[in-house]
Amino acid sequence: MEKRYRHFDHKERTLIYWWQKEYLSLREIGRHLRCSHTSISRELQRNLWCGQH
């Protein structure tokens, strides 16, 4: 089976940020966005620096 990858868009990244601030679990966020909780985890690790100056 071929895996298909896609990037999170700005809206999804913003939602991930706010849902994390509201202490939603990675699995809950994944269910909302219909993607894997590991994708959410990788996105958070990859973009920890965003918005921090």
PDB file of N, CA and C in Angstrom:
ATOM      1  N   MET A   1       0.843  -1.170   0.000  1.00  0.00           N
ATOM      2  CA  MET A   1       0.000   0.000   0.000  1.00  0.00           C
ATOM      3  C   MET A   1       0.894   1.241   0.000  1.00  0.00           C
ATOM      4  N   GLU A   2       0.591   2.163  -0.854  1.00  0.00           N
ATOM      5  CA  GLU A   2       1.375   3.386  -0.975  1.00  0.00           C
ATOM      6  C   GLU A   2       0.976   4.378   0.117  1.00  0.00           C
ATOM      7  N   LYS A   3       1.972   4.938   0.783  1.00  0.00           N
ATOM      8  CA  LYS A   3       1.701   5.944   1.805  1.00  0.00           C
ATOM      9  C   LYS A   3       1.601   7.305   1.136  1.00  0.00           C
ATOM     10  N   ARG A   4       0.693   8.101   1.605  1.00  0.00           N
ATOM     11  CA  ARG A   4       0.533   9.450   1.074  1.00  0.00           C
ATOM     12  C   ARG A   4       0.830  10.434   2.199  1.00  0.00           C
ATOM     13  N   TYR A   5       1.673  11.375   1.902  1.00  0.00           N
ATOM     14  CA  TYR A   5       2.062  12.367   2.883  1.00  0.00           C
ATOM     15  C   TYR A   5       1.514  13.721   2.471  1.00  0.00           C
ATOM     16  N   ARG A   6       1.202  14.519   3.451  1.00  0.00           N
ATOM     17  CA  ARG A   6       0.770  15.881   3.170  1.00  0.00           C
ATOM     18  C   ARG A   6       1.282  16.773   4.298  1.00  0.00           C
ATOM     19  N   HIS A   7       1.379  18.017   4.006  1.00  0.00           N
ATOM     20  CA  HIS A   7       1.836  18.966   5.001  1.00  0.00           C
ATOM     21  C   HIS A   7       0.634  19.595   5.684  1.00  0.00           C
ATOM     22  N   PHE A   8       0.845  20.008   6.921  1.00  0.00           N
ATOM     23  CA  PHE A   8      -0.201  20.755   7.602  1.00  0.00           C
ATOM     24  C   PHE A   8      -0.199  22.177   7.058  1.00  0.00           C
ATOM     25  N   ASP A   9      -1.387  22.713   6.843  1.00  0.00           N
ATOM     26  CA  ASP A   9      -1.450  24.101   6.390  1.00  0.00           C
ATOM     27  C   ASP A   9      -1.449  25.028   7.607  1.00  0.00           C
ATOM     28  N   HIS A  10      -1.437  26.310   7.349  1.00  0.00           N
ATOM     29  CA  HIS A  10      -1.342  27.296   8.429  1.00  0.00           C
ATOM     30  C   HIS A  10      -2.514  27.169   9.413  1.00  0.00           C
ATOM     31  N   LYS A  11      -3.705  26.962   8.888  1.00  0.00           N
ATOM     32  CA  LYS A  11      -4.890  26.828   9.752  1.00  0.00           C
ATOM     33  C   LYS A  11      -4.743  25.632  10.686  1.00  0.00           C
ATOM     34  N   GLU A  12      -4.299  24.495  10.144  1.00  0.00           N
ATOM     35  CA  GLU A  12      -4.131  23.292  10.956  1.00  0.00           C
ATOM     36  C   GLU A  12      -3.046  23.490  12.012  1.00  0.00           C
ATOM     37  N   ARG A  13      -1.958  24.144  11.641  1.00  0.00           N
ATOM     38  CA  ARG A  13      -0.891  24.418  12.613  1.00  0.00           C
ATOM     39  C   ARG A  13      -1.393  25.310  13.743  1.00  0.00           C
ATOM     40  N   THR A  14      -2.219  26.287  13.392  1.00  0.00           N
ATOM     41  CA  THR A  14      -2.796  27.173  14.408  1.00  0.00           C
ATOM     42  C   THR A  14      -3.711  26.390  15.338  1.00  0.00           C
ATOM     43  N   LEU A  15      -4.526  25.504  14.772  1.00  0.00           N
ATOM     44  CA  LEU A  15      -5.415  24.679  15.597  1.00  0.00           C
ATOM     45  C   LEU A  15      -4.616  23.770  16.521  1.00  0.00           C
ATOM     46  N   ILE A  16      -3.565  23.153  16.002  1.00  0.00           N
ATOM     47  CA  ILE A  16      -2.715  22.294  16.832  1.00  0.00           C
ATOM     48  C   ILE A  16      -2.158  23.090  17.999  1.00  0.00           C
ATOM     49  N   TYR A  17      -1.670  24.292  17.714  1.00  0.00           N
ATOM     50  CA  TYR A  17      -1.102  25.151  18.752  1.00  0.00           C
ATOM     51  C   TYR A  17      -2.133  25.439  19.845  1.00  0.00           C
ATOM     52  N   TRP A  18      -3.336  25.851  19.462  1.00  0.00           N
ATOM     53  CA  TRP A  18      -4.350  26.217  20.460  1.00  0.00           C
ATOM     54  C   TRP A  18      -4.887  25.007  21.204  1.00  0.00           C
ATOM     55  N   TRP A  19      -5.075  23.905  20.503  1.00  0.00           N
ATOM     56  CA  TRP A  19      -5.555  22.698  21.188  1.00  0.00           C
ATOM     57  C   TRP A  19      -4.526  22.187  22.177  1.00  0.00           C
ATOM     58  N   GLN A  20      -3.258  22.330  21.846  1.00  0.00           N
ATOM     59  CA  GLN A  20      -2.210  21.916  22.794  1.00  0.00           C
ATOM     60  C   GLN A  20      -2.245  22.823  24.024  1.00  0.00           C
ATOM     61  N   LYS A  21      -2.451  24.110  23.811  1.00  0.00           N
ATOM     62  CA  LYS A  21      -2.556  25.050  24.934  1.00  0.00           C
ATOM     63  C   LYS A  21      -3.740  24.713  25.845  1.00  0.00           C
ATOM     64  N   GLU A  22      -4.782  24.113  25.254  1.00  0.00           N
ATOM     65  CA  GLU A  22      -5.964  23.715  26.027  1.00  0.00           C
ATOM     66  C   GLU A  22      -5.823  22.300  26.594  1.00  0.00           C
ATOM     67  N   TYR A  23      -4.601  21.738  26.495  1.00  0.00           N
ATOM     68  CA  TYR A  23      -4.259  20.432  27.071  1.00  0.00           C
ATOM     69  C   TYR A  23      -5.011  19.267  26.441  1.00  0.00           C
ATOM     70  N   LEU A  24      -5.371  19.374  25.156  1.00  0.00           N
ATOM     71  CA  LEU A  24      -5.913  18.215  24.455  1.00  0.00           C
ATOM     72  C   LEU A  24      -4.768  17.253  24.191  1.00  0.00           C
ATOM     73  N   SER A  25      -5.049  15.982  24.253  1.00  0.00           N
ATOM     74  CA  SER A  25      -4.017  14.986  23.982  1.00  0.00           C
ATOM     75  C   SER A  25      -3.706  14.970  22.483  1.00  0.00           C
ATOM     76  N   LEU A  26      -2.545  14.408  22.144  1.00  0.00           N
ATOM     77  CA  LEU A  26      -2.175  14.305  20.735  1.00  0.00           C
ATOM     78  C   LEU A  26      -3.172  13.445  19.975  1.00  0.00           C
ATOM     79  N   ARG A  27      -3.688  12.424  20.636  1.00  0.00           N
ATOM     80  CA  ARG A  27      -4.682  11.554  19.988  1.00  0.00           C
ATOM     81  C   ARG A  27      -5.982  12.298  19.723  1.00  0.00           C
ATOM     82  N   GLU A  28      -6.405  13.143  20.668  1.00  0.00           N
ATOM     83  CA  GLU A  28      -7.620  13.935  20.455  1.00  0.00           C
ATOM     84  C   GLU A  28      -7.435  14.917  19.299  1.00  0.00           C
ATOM     85  N   ILE A  29      -6.286  15.575  19.269  1.00  0.00           N
ATOM     86  CA  ILE A  29      -5.992  16.510  18.180  1.00  0.00           C
ATOM     87  C   ILE A  29      -5.980  15.759  16.854  1.00  0.00           C
ATOM     88  N   GLY A  30      -5.355  14.590  16.832  1.00  0.00           N
ATOM     89  CA  GLY A  30      -5.328  13.771  15.625  1.00  0.00           C
ATOM     90  C   GLY A  30      -6.716  13.393  15.143  1.00  0.00           C
ATOM     91  N   ARG A  31      -7.607  13.076  16.079  1.00  0.00           N
ATOM     92  CA  ARG A  31      -8.983  12.738  15.690  1.00  0.00           C
ATOM     93  C   ARG A  31      -9.676  13.938  15.070  1.00  0.00           C
ATOM     94  N   HIS A  32      -9.454  15.114  15.643  1.00  0.00           N
ATOM     95  CA  HIS A  32     -10.066  16.331  15.088  1.00  0.00           C
ATOM     96  C   HIS A  32      -9.574  16.606  13.667  1.00  0.00           C
ATOM     97  N   LEU A  33      -8.283  16.374  13.423  1.00  0.00           N
ATOM     98  CA  LEU A  33      -7.699  16.667  12.115  1.00  0.00           C
ATOM     99  C   LEU A  33      -7.676  15.454  11.184  1.00  0.00           C
ATOM    100  N   ARG A  34      -8.156  14.315  11.690  1.00  0.00           N
ATOM    101  CA  ARG A  34      -8.175  13.064  10.923  1.00  0.00           C
ATOM    102  C   ARG A  34      -6.779  12.686  10.430  1.00  0.00           C
ATOM    103  N   CYS A  35      -5.853  12.654  11.379  1.00  0.00           N
ATOM    104  CA  CYS A  35      -4.488  12.219  11.072  1.00  0.00           C
ATOM    105  C   CYS A  35      -3.914  11.521  12.301  1.00  0.00           C
ATOM    106  N   SER A  36      -2.745  10.966  12.136  1.00  0.00           N
ATOM    107  CA  SER A  36      -2.113  10.203  13.194  1.00  0.00           C
ATOM    108  C   SER A  36      -1.585  11.110  14.311  1.00  0.00           C
ATOM    109  N   HIS A  37      -1.642  10.607  15.535  1.00  0.00           N
ATOM    110  CA  HIS A  37      -1.092  11.363  16.656  1.00  0.00           C
ATOM    111  C   HIS A  37       0.423  11.520  16.513  1.00  0.00           C
ATOM    112  N   THR A  38       1.070  10.576  15.822  1.00  0.00           N
ATOM    113  CA  THR A  38       2.515  10.703  15.615  1.00  0.00           C
ATOM    114  C   THR A  38       2.830  11.854  14.668  1.00  0.00           C
ATOM    115  N   SER A  39       1.944  12.121  13.716  1.00  0.00           N
ATOM    116  CA  SER A  39       2.133  13.273  12.830  1.00  0.00           C
ATOM    117  C   SER A  39       2.056  14.573  13.625  1.00  0.00           C
ATOM    118  N   ILE A  40       1.137  14.622  14.570  1.00  0.00           N
ATOM    119  CA  ILE A  40       0.997  15.799  15.426  1.00  0.00           C
ATOM    120  C   ILE A  40       2.268  15.969  16.256  1.00  0.00           C
ATOM    121  N   SER A  41       2.752  14.890  16.822  1.00  0.00           N
ATOM    122  CA  SER A  41       3.963  14.926  17.641  1.00  0.00           C
ATOM    123  C   SER A  41       5.151  15.436  16.832  1.00  0.00           C
ATOM    124  N   ARG A  42       5.325  14.898  15.625  1.00  0.00           N
ATOM    125  CA  ARG A  42       6.432  15.341  14.766  1.00  0.00           C
ATOM    126  C   ARG A  42       6.302  16.813  14.412  1.00  0.00           C
ATOM    127  N   GLU A  43       5.085  17.248  14.136  1.00  0.00           N
ATOM    128  CA  GLU A  43       4.862  18.658  13.797  1.00  0.00           C
ATOM    129  C   GLU A  43       5.244  19.555  14.968  1.00  0.00           C
ATOM    130  N   LEU A  44       4.879  19.171  16.174  1.00  0.00           N
ATOM    131  CA  LEU A  44       5.217  19.972  17.352  1.00  0.00           C
ATOM    132  C   LEU A  44       6.724  19.991  17.583  1.00  0.00           C
ATOM    133  N   GLN A  45       7.383  18.865  17.418  1.00  0.00           N
ATOM    134  CA  GLN A  45       8.838  18.814  17.592  1.00  0.00           C
ATOM    135  C   GLN A  45       9.554  19.638  16.533  1.00  0.00           C
ATOM    136  N   ARG A  46       9.068  19.575  15.327  1.00  0.00           N
ATOM    137  CA  ARG A  46       9.702  20.255  14.208  1.00  0.00           C
ATOM    138  C   ARG A  46       9.550  21.771  14.298  1.00  0.00           C
ATOM    139  N   ASN A  47       8.481  22.232  14.923  1.00  0.00           N
ATOM    140  CA  ASN A  47       8.170  23.663  14.892  1.00  0.00           C
ATOM    141  C   ASN A  47       8.111  24.298  16.279  1.00  0.00           C
ATOM    142  N   LEU A  48       8.930  23.808  17.199  1.00  0.00           N
ATOM    143  CA  LEU A  48       8.947  24.383  18.539  1.00  0.00           C
ATOM    144  C   LEU A  48       9.376  25.835  18.551  1.00  0.00           C
ATOM    145  N   TRP A  49      10.210  26.213  17.617  1.00  0.00           N
ATOM    146  CA  TRP A  49      10.750  27.573  17.580  1.00  0.00           C
ATOM    147  C   TRP A  49       9.756  28.584  17.007  1.00  0.00           C
ATOM    148  N   CYS A  50       8.726  28.142  16.313  1.00  0.00           N
ATOM    149  CA  CYS A  50       7.818  29.061  15.631  1.00  0.00           C
ATOM    150  C   CYS A  50       7.107  29.993  16.617  1.00  0.00           C
ATOM    151  N   GLY A  51       7.115  31.253  16.293  1.00  0.00           N
ATOM    152  CA  GLY A  51       6.414  32.229  17.104  1.00  0.00           C
ATOM    153  C   GLY A  51       7.180  32.668  18.333  1.00  0.00           C
ATOM    154  N   GLN A  52       8.391  32.184  18.521  1.00  0.00           N
ATOM    155  CA  GLN A  52       9.184  32.554  19.692  1.00  0.00           C
ATOM    156  C   GLN A  52      10.375  33.382  19.222  1.00  0.00           C
ATOM    157  N   HIS A  53      10.377  34.663  19.531  1.00  0.00           N
ATOM    158  CA  HIS A  53      11.467  35.548  19.107  1.00  0.00           C
ATOM    159  C   HIS A  53      12.313  35.936  20.288  1.00  0.00           C
TER     160      HIS A  53
END
